[in-house]
Amino acid sequence: MTAPRRKIPSVNLDDYRSGTSEQRARMVETLGGGLVEFGFLNVEAHGIEPALIRRTYDLWKQFFELPEEVKKRYVGGTGGARGYTPFGVEHAKNNPTPDLKEFYHVGQEADSAAALPDGHPAKEVYPANVWPEAIPEIHEPTVHLFRRLEETAATLLEALAEYFDLPRRQFADMAVNGNSLLRILHYPAVPKGIPAGAVRAAAHEDINLITLLCEATDSGLEIFTREGEWMAVETGPGEIVVDAGDMLSRHLNEVVPATTHRVVNPGDTSRERYSMPFFVHPYSNADLTVHPRFVTEERPAKYPPITAGQFLEQRLIEIGLKK
């Protein structure tokens, strides 16, 4: 008899927002338990309009179809923090072979309705966004999606704090006006003559608190389980994939893992793939010191104190986006 194929768990966000006390408790237990076991889960009923996600994908597809010399006009500043990063630049930590992808970064938007207030310390830290002038209509839906993903992330972080019996805003407040990024990823058809072992995204862990991944246009995402096996991530239509990053794992003394994951090359190398991960980052001065709730005699603190900004700086160097 064949064993059933394992899947990451799914939660319904409406159960937490407006469900009965039993539904809410069940959602919190599934969310926390899923992140502790897998570091990944699916979220349905997240409330982000499918039409907004589709329109954002469609507009950015127009950008990635522009000639290379045009796209390179929008290369951002230090560390690829904003704007365009060309194909073959980023690589996974400890893997010098570049990934088979290009991408665009959008961060906190200075002129949005939820802009950083004057005098906020982060206003001088975050670089300005770089917008492609060739597609002016790309701005509004992208910023709208950014804000909707921020809202969804805050709700998930509140539920996670509830799972650990911590103050409701313990994690969510770290991300208010945080250095979050929306990454629009394009994996082109796999070119001929690539280096041995080159894949769309080599095995890595995310840097941030949590990542919300809008439904990708093709499969390929896999996670490395605690049992030491690669497992394909399967999602239902419209679901968002959520995973825990290194910052959250560090703060929780690895009670929640930052699970290693990758995007493998397709069998049909002519297929391209788009995805939009939203990397939920804390504000730069947020303290990532291991929380005492997760320190015991049997599990001493595994990391020294560090701020989110310091940790991010280290990782950008490790993955080739900063010298």
C-alpha atoms as a PDB file:
ATOM      1  CA  MET A   1       0.000   0.000   0.000  1.00  0.00           C
ATOM      2  CA  THR A   2       1.413   3.373  -1.028  1.00  0.00           C
ATOM      3  CA  ALA A   3       1.830   5.899   1.797  1.00  0.00           C
ATOM      4  CA  PRO A   4      -0.193   9.101   1.318  1.00  0.00           C
ATOM      5  CA  ARG A   5       1.770  12.003  -0.126  1.00  0.00           C
ATOM      6  CA  ARG A   6       2.664  14.553   2.534  1.00  0.00           C
ATOM      7  CA  LYS A   7       1.502  18.132   2.174  1.00  0.00           C
ATOM      8  CA  ILE A   8       2.091  21.308   4.097  1.00  0.00           C
ATOM      9  CA  PRO A   9      -0.996  22.297   6.150  1.00  0.00           C
ATOM     10  CA  SER A  10      -3.521  24.939   5.112  1.00  0.00           C
ATOM     11  CA  VAL A  11      -5.265  27.545   7.235  1.00  0.00           C
ATOM     12  CA  ASN A  12      -8.308  29.695   6.529  1.00  0.00           C
ATOM     13  CA  LEU A  13      -7.671  33.282   7.596  1.00  0.00           C
ATOM     14  CA  ASP A  14     -11.398  33.975   7.935  1.00  0.00           C
ATOM     15  CA  ASP A  15     -11.450  31.408  10.749  1.00  0.00           C
ATOM     16  CA  TYR A  16      -9.133  33.708  12.691  1.00  0.00           C
ATOM     17  CA  ARG A  17     -10.648  37.025  11.666  1.00  0.00           C
ATOM     18  CA  SER A  18     -14.342  36.217  12.063  1.00  0.00           C
ATOM     19  CA  GLY A  19     -14.775  32.545  12.988  1.00  0.00           C
ATOM     20  CA  THR A  20     -16.141  31.017  16.174  1.00  0.00           C
ATOM     21  CA  SER A  21     -13.834  30.619  19.152  1.00  0.00           C
ATOM     22  CA  GLU A  22     -13.379  26.961  18.175  1.00  0.00           C
ATOM     23  CA  GLN A  23     -12.516  27.844  14.563  1.00  0.00           C
ATOM     24  CA  ARG A  24     -10.086  30.525  15.703  1.00  0.00           C
ATOM     25  CA  ALA A  25      -8.368  28.188  18.154  1.00  0.00           C
ATOM     26  CA  ARG A  26      -8.086  25.469  15.507  1.00  0.00           C
ATOM     27  CA  MET A  27      -6.600  27.924  13.007  1.00  0.00           C
ATOM     28  CA  VAL A  28      -4.023  29.153  15.543  1.00  0.00           C
ATOM     29  CA  GLU A  29      -3.041  25.574  16.393  1.00  0.00           C
ATOM     30  CA  THR A  30      -2.686  24.602  12.709  1.00  0.00           C
ATOM     31  CA  LEU A  31      -0.709  27.746  11.900  1.00  0.00           C
ATOM     32  CA  GLY A  32       1.733  27.389  14.770  1.00  0.00           C
ATOM     33  CA  GLY A  33       2.034  23.632  14.490  1.00  0.00           C
ATOM     34  CA  GLY A  34       2.560  23.840  10.729  1.00  0.00           C
ATOM     35  CA  LEU A  35       5.343  26.397  11.063  1.00  0.00           C
ATOM     36  CA  VAL A  36       7.025  24.429  13.855  1.00  0.00           C
ATOM     37  CA  GLU A  37       6.928  21.211  11.801  1.00  0.00           C
ATOM     38  CA  PHE A  38       7.433  22.430   8.247  1.00  0.00           C
ATOM     39  CA  GLY A  39       8.285  26.130   8.415  1.00  0.00           C
ATOM     40  CA  PHE A  40       5.725  26.412   5.558  1.00  0.00           C
ATOM     41  CA  LEU A  41       1.945  26.419   5.156  1.00  0.00           C
ATOM     42  CA  ASN A  42      -0.806  27.524   2.771  1.00  0.00           C
ATOM     43  CA  VAL A  43      -3.303  30.299   3.516  1.00  0.00           C
ATOM     44  CA  GLU A  44      -6.753  30.487   1.952  1.00  0.00           C
ATOM     45  CA  ALA A  45      -9.425  33.165   2.417  1.00  0.00           C
ATOM     46  CA  HIS A  46      -6.625  35.706   2.868  1.00  0.00           C
ATOM     47  CA  GLY A  47      -8.811  38.464   1.424  1.00  0.00           C
ATOM     48  CA  ILE A  48      -6.450  39.716  -1.297  1.00  0.00           C
ATOM     49  CA  GLU A  49      -8.418  40.060  -4.513  1.00  0.00           C
ATOM     50  CA  PRO A  50      -7.368  37.587  -7.235  1.00  0.00           C
ATOM     51  CA  ALA A  51      -7.872  40.325  -9.842  1.00  0.00           C
ATOM     52  CA  LEU A  52      -5.293  42.523  -8.084  1.00  0.00           C
ATOM     53  CA  ILE A  53      -2.733  39.728  -8.095  1.00  0.00           C
ATOM     54  CA  ARG A  54      -3.414  38.919 -11.771  1.00  0.00           C
ATOM     55  CA  ARG A  55      -3.182  42.566 -12.850  1.00  0.00           C
ATOM     56  CA  THR A  56       0.097  43.030 -10.992  1.00  0.00           C
ATOM     57  CA  TYR A  57       1.535  39.916 -12.639  1.00  0.00           C
ATOM     58  CA  ASP A  58       0.358  41.060 -16.084  1.00  0.00           C
ATOM     59  CA  LEU A  59       1.955  44.502 -15.768  1.00  0.00           C
ATOM     60  CA  TRP A  60       5.286  43.170 -14.536  1.00  0.00           C
ATOM     61  CA  LYS A  61       5.297  40.604 -17.325  1.00  0.00           C
ATOM     62  CA  GLN A  62       5.276  43.599 -19.688  1.00  0.00           C
ATOM     63  CA  PHE A  63       8.331  44.944 -17.892  1.00  0.00           C
ATOM     64  CA  PHE A  64      10.321  41.710 -18.125  1.00  0.00           C
ATOM     65  CA  GLU A  65       9.550  41.509 -21.838  1.00  0.00           C
ATOM     66  CA  LEU A  66      11.335  44.844 -22.425  1.00  0.00           C
ATOM     67  CA  PRO A  67      14.779  44.761 -24.083  1.00  0.00           C
ATOM     68  CA  GLU A  68      17.654  44.094 -21.716  1.00  0.00           C
ATOM     69  CA  GLU A  69      19.176  47.529 -22.227  1.00  0.00           C
ATOM     70  CA  VAL A  70      15.882  49.155 -21.194  1.00  0.00           C
ATOM     71  CA  LYS A  71      15.470  47.004 -18.096  1.00  0.00           C
ATOM     72  CA  LYS A  72      19.006  47.812 -16.970  1.00  0.00           C
ATOM     73  CA  ARG A  73      18.085  51.495 -16.732  1.00  0.00           C
ATOM     74  CA  TYR A  74      16.179  50.546 -13.599  1.00  0.00           C
ATOM     75  CA  VAL A  75      18.938  48.728 -11.743  1.00  0.00           C
ATOM     76  CA  GLY A  76      18.658  49.901  -8.143  1.00  0.00           C
ATOM     77  CA  GLY A  77      21.288  51.049  -5.697  1.00  0.00           C
ATOM     78  CA  THR A  78      23.492  49.207  -3.230  1.00  0.00           C
ATOM     79  CA  GLY A  79      22.447  45.678  -2.403  1.00  0.00           C
ATOM     80  CA  GLY A  80      19.672  45.500  -4.969  1.00  0.00           C
ATOM     81  CA  ALA A  81      17.338  47.008  -2.374  1.00  0.00           C
ATOM     82  CA  ARG A  82      15.169  48.653  -5.027  1.00  0.00           C
ATOM     83  CA  GLY A  83      14.646  48.312  -8.744  1.00  0.00           C
ATOM     84  CA  TYR A  84      15.861  45.711 -11.193  1.00  0.00           C
ATOM     85  CA  THR A  85      18.397  42.932 -10.617  1.00  0.00           C
ATOM     86  CA  PRO A  86      19.458  41.290 -13.907  1.00  0.00           C
ATOM     87  CA  PHE A  87      19.551  37.589 -14.711  1.00  0.00           C
ATOM     88  CA  GLY A  88      22.395  35.627 -13.121  1.00  0.00           C
ATOM     89  CA  VAL A  89      23.371  38.077 -10.359  1.00  0.00           C
ATOM     90  CA  GLU A  90      21.969  36.622  -7.124  1.00  0.00           C
ATOM     91  CA  HIS A  91      23.138  33.294  -5.746  1.00  0.00           C
ATOM     92  CA  ALA A  92      22.260  31.285  -2.650  1.00  0.00           C
ATOM     93  CA  LYS A  93      24.396  31.546   0.478  1.00  0.00           C
ATOM     94  CA  ASN A  94      27.445  29.258   0.206  1.00  0.00           C
ATOM     95  CA  ASN A  95      26.654  28.526  -3.459  1.00  0.00           C
ATOM     96  CA  PRO A  96      28.616  30.629  -5.971  1.00  0.00           C
ATOM     97  CA  THR A  97      26.566  29.466  -8.990  1.00  0.00           C
ATOM     98  CA  PRO A  98      24.068  32.221  -9.902  1.00  0.00           C
ATOM     99  CA  ASP A  99      20.347  31.452  -9.924  1.00  0.00           C
ATOM    100  CA  LEU A 100      18.471  31.382 -13.245  1.00  0.00           C
ATOM    101  CA  LYS A 101      16.271  34.380 -12.518  1.00  0.00           C
ATOM    102  CA  GLU A 102      15.833  38.128 -12.757  1.00  0.00           C
ATOM    103  CA  PHE A 103      13.717  40.213 -10.412  1.00  0.00           C
ATOM    104  CA  TYR A 104      12.487  43.628  -9.329  1.00  0.00           C
ATOM    105  CA  HIS A 105      12.270  44.990  -5.777  1.00  0.00           C
ATOM    106  CA  VAL A 106       9.637  47.376  -4.449  1.00  0.00           C
ATOM    107  CA  GLY A 107       9.842  48.613  -0.849  1.00  0.00           C
ATOM    108  CA  GLN A 108       8.052  51.082   1.378  1.00  0.00           C
ATOM    109  CA  GLU A 109       6.592  53.776  -0.843  1.00  0.00           C
ATOM    110  CA  ALA A 110       7.233  57.348   0.300  1.00  0.00           C
ATOM    111  CA  ASP A 111       4.196  58.921  -1.391  1.00  0.00           C
ATOM    112  CA  SER A 112       1.577  56.265  -0.535  1.00  0.00           C
ATOM    113  CA  ALA A 113      -1.374  56.784   1.786  1.00  0.00           C
ATOM    114  CA  ALA A 114       0.445  54.743   4.428  1.00  0.00           C
ATOM    115  CA  ALA A 115       3.737  56.570   3.924  1.00  0.00           C
ATOM    116  CA  LEU A 116       6.336  56.757   6.642  1.00  0.00           C
ATOM    117  CA  PRO A 117       5.617  59.859   8.737  1.00  0.00           C
ATOM    118  CA  ASP A 118       8.034  62.772   8.732  1.00  0.00           C
ATOM    119  CA  GLY A 119      10.593  62.299  11.467  1.00  0.00           C
ATOM    120  CA  HIS A 120      10.329  58.506  11.431  1.00  0.00           C
ATOM    121  CA  PRO A 121      13.887  57.158  11.815  1.00  0.00           C
ATOM    122  CA  ALA A 122      13.406  54.720   8.944  1.00  0.00           C
ATOM    123  CA  LYS A 123      12.598  57.505   6.482  1.00  0.00           C
ATOM    124  CA  GLU A 124      16.307  58.254   6.080  1.00  0.00           C
ATOM    125  CA  VAL A 125      17.242  54.551   5.946  1.00  0.00           C
ATOM    126  CA  TYR A 126      14.985  53.113   3.251  1.00  0.00           C
ATOM    127  CA  PRO A 127      15.929  54.004  -0.327  1.00  0.00           C
ATOM    128  CA  ALA A 128      13.356  55.439  -2.720  1.00  0.00           C
ATOM    129  CA  ASN A 129      11.583  53.078  -5.083  1.00  0.00           C
ATOM    130  CA  VAL A 130      12.609  52.948  -8.727  1.00  0.00           C
ATOM    131  CA  TRP A 131       9.591  52.815 -11.052  1.00  0.00           C
ATOM    132  CA  PRO A 132       9.733  51.862 -14.752  1.00  0.00           C
ATOM    133  CA  GLU A 133       8.698  54.969 -16.656  1.00  0.00           C
ATOM    134  CA  ALA A 134       7.780  52.848 -19.667  1.00  0.00           C
ATOM    135  CA  ILE A 135       4.826  51.350 -17.745  1.00  0.00           C
ATOM    136  CA  PRO A 136       3.407  54.133 -15.536  1.00  0.00           C
ATOM    137  CA  GLU A 137       0.267  52.134 -14.680  1.00  0.00           C
ATOM    138  CA  ILE A 138       2.426  49.586 -12.842  1.00  0.00           C
ATOM    139  CA  HIS A 139       2.718  51.816  -9.765  1.00  0.00           C
ATOM    140  CA  GLU A 140      -0.792  51.850  -8.292  1.00  0.00           C
ATOM    141  CA  PRO A 141      -1.630  48.105  -8.235  1.00  0.00           C
ATOM    142  CA  THR A 142       1.875  47.213  -7.040  1.00  0.00           C
ATOM    143  CA  VAL A 143       1.702  49.565  -4.049  1.00  0.00           C
ATOM    144  CA  HIS A 144      -1.876  48.420  -3.333  1.00  0.00           C
ATOM    145  CA  LEU A 145      -0.777  44.781  -3.343  1.00  0.00           C
ATOM    146  CA  PHE A 146       2.177  45.658  -1.075  1.00  0.00           C
ATOM    147  CA  ARG A 147      -0.212  47.181   1.490  1.00  0.00           C
ATOM    148  CA  ARG A 148      -2.677  44.296   1.325  1.00  0.00           C
ATOM    149  CA  LEU A 149       0.141  41.807   1.888  1.00  0.00           C
ATOM    150  CA  GLU A 150       1.349  43.876   4.869  1.00  0.00           C
ATOM    151  CA  GLU A 151      -2.127  43.634   6.395  1.00  0.00           C
ATOM    152  CA  THR A 152      -2.305  39.886   5.834  1.00  0.00           C
ATOM    153  CA  ALA A 153       1.164  39.376   7.298  1.00  0.00           C
ATOM    154  CA  ALA A 154       0.226  41.333  10.431  1.00  0.00           C
ATOM    155  CA  THR A 155      -2.781  39.077  11.006  1.00  0.00           C
ATOM    156  CA  LEU A 156      -0.668  35.944  10.587  1.00  0.00           C
ATOM    157  CA  LEU A 157       1.978  37.266  12.988  1.00  0.00           C
ATOM    158  CA  GLU A 158      -0.726  38.038  15.548  1.00  0.00           C
ATOM    159  CA  ALA A 159      -2.039  34.479  15.281  1.00  0.00           C
ATOM    160  CA  LEU A 160       1.483  33.110  15.686  1.00  0.00           C
ATOM    161  CA  ALA A 161       2.006  35.156  18.858  1.00  0.00           C
ATOM    162  CA  GLU A 162      -1.264  33.728  20.161  1.00  0.00           C
ATOM    163  CA  TYR A 163      -0.002  30.195  19.467  1.00  0.00           C
ATOM    164  CA  PHE A 164       3.026  30.855  21.686  1.00  0.00           C
ATOM    165  CA  ASP A 165       0.912  32.615  24.342  1.00  0.00           C
ATOM    166  CA  LEU A 166       2.729  35.908  23.828  1.00  0.00           C
ATOM    167  CA  PRO A 167       1.265  39.439  23.607  1.00  0.00           C
ATOM    168  CA  ARG A 168      -0.822  39.659  20.432  1.00  0.00           C
ATOM    169  CA  ARG A 169       1.395  42.281  18.750  1.00  0.00           C
ATOM    170  CA  GLN A 170       4.711  40.727  19.840  1.00  0.00           C
ATOM    171  CA  PHE A 171       5.798  39.933  16.273  1.00  0.00           C
ATOM    172  CA  ALA A 172       3.478  42.160  14.232  1.00  0.00           C
ATOM    173  CA  ASP A 173       4.797  45.373  15.813  1.00  0.00           C
ATOM    174  CA  MET A 174       8.312  44.495  14.638  1.00  0.00           C
ATOM    175  CA  ALA A 175       7.105  44.828  11.045  1.00  0.00           C
ATOM    176  CA  VAL A 176       5.198  48.134  11.354  1.00  0.00           C
ATOM    177  CA  ASN A 177       6.896  50.454   8.830  1.00  0.00           C
ATOM    178  CA  GLY A 178       9.351  47.600   8.390  1.00  0.00           C
ATOM    179  CA  ASN A 179      11.926  47.210   5.656  1.00  0.00           C
ATOM    180  CA  SER A 180       9.658  44.822   3.767  1.00  0.00           C
ATOM    181  CA  LEU A 181      10.113  44.020   0.082  1.00  0.00           C
ATOM    182  CA  LEU A 182       7.848  42.852  -2.703  1.00  0.00           C
ATOM    183  CA  ARG A 183       9.983  40.883  -5.130  1.00  0.00           C
ATOM    184  CA  ILE A 184       8.590  40.288  -8.612  1.00  0.00           C
ATOM    185  CA  LEU A 185      10.458  37.266  -9.953  1.00  0.00           C
ATOM    186  CA  HIS A 186      10.846  36.116 -13.539  1.00  0.00           C
ATOM    187  CA  TYR A 187      12.370  32.741 -14.283  1.00  0.00           C
ATOM    188  CA  PRO A 188      12.861  32.710 -18.077  1.00  0.00           C
ATOM    189  CA  ALA A 189      12.973  29.604 -20.191  1.00  0.00           C
ATOM    190  CA  VAL A 190      16.066  27.685 -19.081  1.00  0.00           C
ATOM    191  CA  PRO A 191      18.873  28.773 -21.440  1.00  0.00           C
ATOM    192  CA  LYS A 192      21.218  26.318 -23.107  1.00  0.00           C
ATOM    193  CA  GLY A 193      24.770  25.966 -21.831  1.00  0.00           C
ATOM    194  CA  ILE A 194      24.046  26.794 -18.196  1.00  0.00           C
ATOM    195  CA  PRO A 195      26.682  25.843 -15.580  1.00  0.00           C
ATOM    196  CA  ALA A 196      26.361  22.373 -14.084  1.00  0.00           C
ATOM    197  CA  GLY A 197      23.962  22.427 -11.160  1.00  0.00           C
ATOM    198  CA  ALA A 198      22.433  25.808 -11.995  1.00  0.00           C
ATOM    199  CA  VAL A 199      18.750  25.984 -11.032  1.00  0.00           C
ATOM    200  CA  ARG A 200      16.051  28.629 -10.906  1.00  0.00           C
ATOM    201  CA  ALA A 201      16.642  29.146  -7.182  1.00  0.00           C
ATOM    202  CA  ALA A 202      19.247  27.074  -5.378  1.00  0.00           C
ATOM    203  CA  ALA A 203      18.587  25.725  -1.888  1.00  0.00           C
ATOM    204  CA  HIS A 204      18.334  28.620   0.566  1.00  0.00           C
ATOM    205  CA  GLU A 205      16.462  30.038   3.532  1.00  0.00           C
ATOM    206  CA  ASP A 206      14.685  33.393   3.512  1.00  0.00           C
ATOM    207  CA  ILE A 207      16.302  36.215   5.478  1.00  0.00           C
ATOM    208  CA  ASN A 208      13.242  37.921   6.952  1.00  0.00           C
ATOM    209  CA  LEU A 209      10.487  37.265   9.531  1.00  0.00           C
ATOM    210  CA  ILE A 210       7.955  35.564   7.256  1.00  0.00           C
ATOM    211  CA  THR A 211       7.403  35.450   3.503  1.00  0.00           C
ATOM    212  CA  LEU A 212       4.028  35.558   1.756  1.00  0.00           C
ATOM    213  CA  LEU A 213       4.235  34.047  -1.706  1.00  0.00           C
ATOM    214  CA  CYS A 214       1.418  34.923  -4.107  1.00  0.00           C
ATOM    215  CA  GLU A 215       0.317  31.990  -6.256  1.00  0.00           C
ATOM    216  CA  ALA A 216       3.090  31.380  -8.792  1.00  0.00           C
ATOM    217  CA  THR A 217       2.372  30.845 -12.477  1.00  0.00           C
ATOM    218  CA  ASP A 218       4.076  27.429 -12.521  1.00  0.00           C
ATOM    219  CA  SER A 219       5.242  24.715 -10.134  1.00  0.00           C
ATOM    220  CA  GLY A 220       8.813  24.036  -9.017  1.00  0.00           C
ATOM    221  CA  LEU A 221       8.926  25.094  -5.344  1.00  0.00           C
ATOM    222  CA  GLU A 222      10.251  22.393  -3.009  1.00  0.00           C
ATOM    223  CA  ILE A 223      11.106  22.295   0.711  1.00  0.00           C
ATOM    224  CA  PHE A 224      13.661  20.186   2.580  1.00  0.00           C
ATOM    225  CA  THR A 225      11.804  18.408   5.376  1.00  0.00           C
ATOM    226  CA  ARG A 226      13.031  17.523   8.854  1.00  0.00           C
ATOM    227  CA  GLU A 227      13.274  13.946   7.575  1.00  0.00           C
ATOM    228  CA  GLY A 228      15.901  15.016   5.058  1.00  0.00           C
ATOM    229  CA  GLU A 229      13.762  14.728   1.921  1.00  0.00           C
ATOM    230  CA  TRP A 230      12.762  17.219  -0.770  1.00  0.00           C
ATOM    231  CA  MET A 231       8.979  17.695  -0.900  1.00  0.00           C
ATOM    232  CA  ALA A 232       7.045  19.612  -3.570  1.00  0.00           C
ATOM    233  CA  VAL A 233       4.890  22.446  -2.243  1.00  0.00           C
ATOM    234  CA  GLU A 234       1.364  22.030  -3.559  1.00  0.00           C
ATOM    235  CA  THR A 235      -1.155  24.861  -3.312  1.00  0.00           C
ATOM    236  CA  GLY A 236      -4.810  25.258  -4.178  1.00  0.00           C
ATOM    237  CA  PRO A 237      -6.070  27.951  -6.546  1.00  0.00           C
ATOM    238  CA  GLY A 238      -5.595  31.414  -5.069  1.00  0.00           C
ATOM    239  CA  GLU A 239      -3.774  30.245  -1.941  1.00  0.00           C
ATOM    240  CA  ILE A 240      -0.780  32.116  -0.575  1.00  0.00           C
ATOM    241  CA  VAL A 241       2.249  30.168   0.653  1.00  0.00           C
ATOM    242  CA  VAL A 242       3.738  31.398   3.940  1.00  0.00           C
ATOM    243  CA  ASP A 243       7.154  30.469   5.265  1.00  0.00           C
ATOM    244  CA  ALA A 244       9.306  31.457   8.222  1.00  0.00           C
ATOM    245  CA  GLY A 245      12.604  33.223   7.630  1.00  0.00           C
ATOM    246  CA  ASP A 246      15.919  33.345   9.445  1.00  0.00           C
ATOM    247  CA  MET A 247      15.028  36.432  11.490  1.00  0.00           C
ATOM    248  CA  LEU A 248      11.961  34.803  13.026  1.00  0.00           C
ATOM    249  CA  SER A 249      13.759  31.491  13.541  1.00  0.00           C
ATOM    250  CA  ARG A 250      16.660  33.236  15.248  1.00  0.00           C
ATOM    251  CA  HIS A 251      14.344  35.271  17.517  1.00  0.00           C
ATOM    252  CA  LEU A 252      12.492  32.056  18.451  1.00  0.00           C
ATOM    253  CA  ASN A 253      15.725  30.106  19.093  1.00  0.00           C
ATOM    254  CA  GLU A 254      14.938  27.817  16.119  1.00  0.00           C
ATOM    255  CA  VAL A 255      11.693  26.521  17.650  1.00  0.00           C
ATOM    256  CA  VAL A 256      10.306  27.535  14.246  1.00  0.00           C
ATOM    257  CA  PRO A 257      12.730  26.541  11.481  1.00  0.00           C
ATOM    258  CA  ALA A 258      13.788  28.697   8.566  1.00  0.00           C
ATOM    259  CA  THR A 259      13.201  25.827   6.182  1.00  0.00           C
ATOM    260  CA  THR A 260      15.545  25.305   3.261  1.00  0.00           C
ATOM    261  CA  HIS A 261      13.713  25.523  -0.053  1.00  0.00           C
ATOM    262  CA  ARG A 262      14.470  25.765  -3.768  1.00  0.00           C
ATOM    263  CA  VAL A 263      12.873  26.220  -7.180  1.00  0.00           C
ATOM    264  CA  VAL A 264      13.863  23.407  -9.538  1.00  0.00           C
ATOM    265  CA  ASN A 265      14.122  23.619 -13.306  1.00  0.00           C
ATOM    266  CA  PRO A 266      11.073  22.407 -15.250  1.00  0.00           C
ATOM    267  CA  GLY A 267      11.084  19.261 -17.353  1.00  0.00           C
ATOM    268  CA  ASP A 268      10.025  21.440 -20.281  1.00  0.00           C
ATOM    269  CA  THR A 269      12.866  23.959 -20.328  1.00  0.00           C
ATOM    270  CA  SER A 270      10.898  26.316 -22.588  1.00  0.00           C
ATOM    271  CA  ARG A 271       8.478  27.152 -19.755  1.00  0.00           C
ATOM    272  CA  GLU A 272       8.918  30.424 -17.902  1.00  0.00           C
ATOM    273  CA  ARG A 273       7.705  31.099 -14.367  1.00  0.00           C
ATOM    274  CA  TYR A 274       6.617  34.179 -12.429  1.00  0.00           C
ATOM    275  CA  SER A 275       6.204  34.504  -8.687  1.00  0.00           C
ATOM    276  CA  MET A 276       5.789  37.354  -6.190  1.00  0.00           C
ATOM    277  CA  PRO A 277       7.203  36.753  -2.722  1.00  0.00           C
ATOM    278  CA  PHE A 278       6.554  39.455  -0.135  1.00  0.00           C
ATOM    279  CA  PHE A 279       9.433  39.473   2.344  1.00  0.00           C
ATOM    280  CA  VAL A 280       8.168  40.768   5.685  1.00  0.00           C
ATOM    281  CA  HIS A 281      11.098  42.517   7.364  1.00  0.00           C
ATOM    282  CA  PRO A 282      11.257  44.275  10.721  1.00  0.00           C
ATOM    283  CA  TYR A 283      12.292  47.912  10.949  1.00  0.00           C
ATOM    284  CA  SER A 284      16.087  48.130  10.927  1.00  0.00           C
ATOM    285  CA  ASN A 285      16.574  48.744  14.673  1.00  0.00           C
ATOM    286  CA  ALA A 286      14.317  45.853  15.701  1.00  0.00           C
ATOM    287  CA  ASP A 287      16.013  43.642  18.295  1.00  0.00           C
ATOM    288  CA  LEU A 288      16.369  40.023  17.146  1.00  0.00           C
ATOM    289  CA  THR A 289      17.812  38.853  20.471  1.00  0.00           C
ATOM    290  CA  VAL A 290      16.539  35.367  21.283  1.00  0.00           C
ATOM    291  CA  HIS A 291      13.263  35.804  23.179  1.00  0.00           C
ATOM    292  CA  PRO A 292      13.505  34.463  26.763  1.00  0.00           C
ATOM    293  CA  ARG A 293      10.271  32.518  26.220  1.00  0.00           C
ATOM    294  CA  PHE A 294      12.275  30.124  24.010  1.00  0.00           C
ATOM    295  CA  VAL A 295      15.346  29.695  26.231  1.00  0.00           C
ATOM    296  CA  THR A 296      15.633  26.808  28.691  1.00  0.00           C
ATOM    297  CA  GLU A 297      18.423  24.858  30.349  1.00  0.00           C
ATOM    298  CA  GLU A 298      17.978  22.174  27.723  1.00  0.00           C
ATOM    299  CA  ARG A 299      17.751  24.780  24.923  1.00  0.00           C
ATOM    300  CA  PRO A 300      20.144  27.645  25.654  1.00  0.00           C
ATOM    301  CA  ALA A 301      20.133  30.715  23.419  1.00  0.00           C
ATOM    302  CA  LYS A 302      21.819  29.767  20.136  1.00  0.00           C
ATOM    303  CA  TYR A 303      22.620  33.287  18.920  1.00  0.00           C
ATOM    304  CA  PRO A 304      24.113  36.525  20.265  1.00  0.00           C
ATOM    305  CA  PRO A 305      22.054  39.745  20.132  1.00  0.00           C
ATOM    306  CA  ILE A 306      21.777  41.497  16.767  1.00  0.00           C
ATOM    307  CA  THR A 307      19.475  44.036  15.109  1.00  0.00           C
ATOM    308  CA  ALA A 308      17.460  43.311  11.984  1.00  0.00           C
ATOM    309  CA  GLY A 309      19.507  45.847  10.022  1.00  0.00           C
ATOM    310  CA  GLN A 310      22.813  44.265  11.028  1.00  0.00           C
ATOM    311  CA  PHE A 311      21.578  40.790  10.161  1.00  0.00           C
ATOM    312  CA  LEU A 312      20.272  41.922   6.772  1.00  0.00           C
ATOM    313  CA  GLU A 313      23.615  43.535   5.949  1.00  0.00           C
ATOM    314  CA  GLN A 314      25.422  40.253   6.618  1.00  0.00           C
ATOM    315  CA  ARG A 315      23.084  38.244   4.453  1.00  0.00           C
ATOM    316  CA  LEU A 316      23.152  40.613   1.478  1.00  0.00           C
ATOM    317  CA  ILE A 317      26.905  40.150   1.327  1.00  0.00           C
ATOM    318  CA  GLU A 318      26.552  36.358   1.587  1.00  0.00           C
ATOM    319  CA  ILE A 319      24.156  36.142  -1.369  1.00  0.00           C
ATOM    320  CA  GLY A 320      26.114  38.431  -3.673  1.00  0.00           C
ATOM    321  CA  LEU A 321      23.882  41.516  -3.643  1.00  0.00           C
ATOM    322  CA  LYS A 322      26.406  43.552  -1.669  1.00  0.00           C
ATOM    323  CA  LYS A 323      30.211  43.659  -1.700  1.00  0.00           C
END
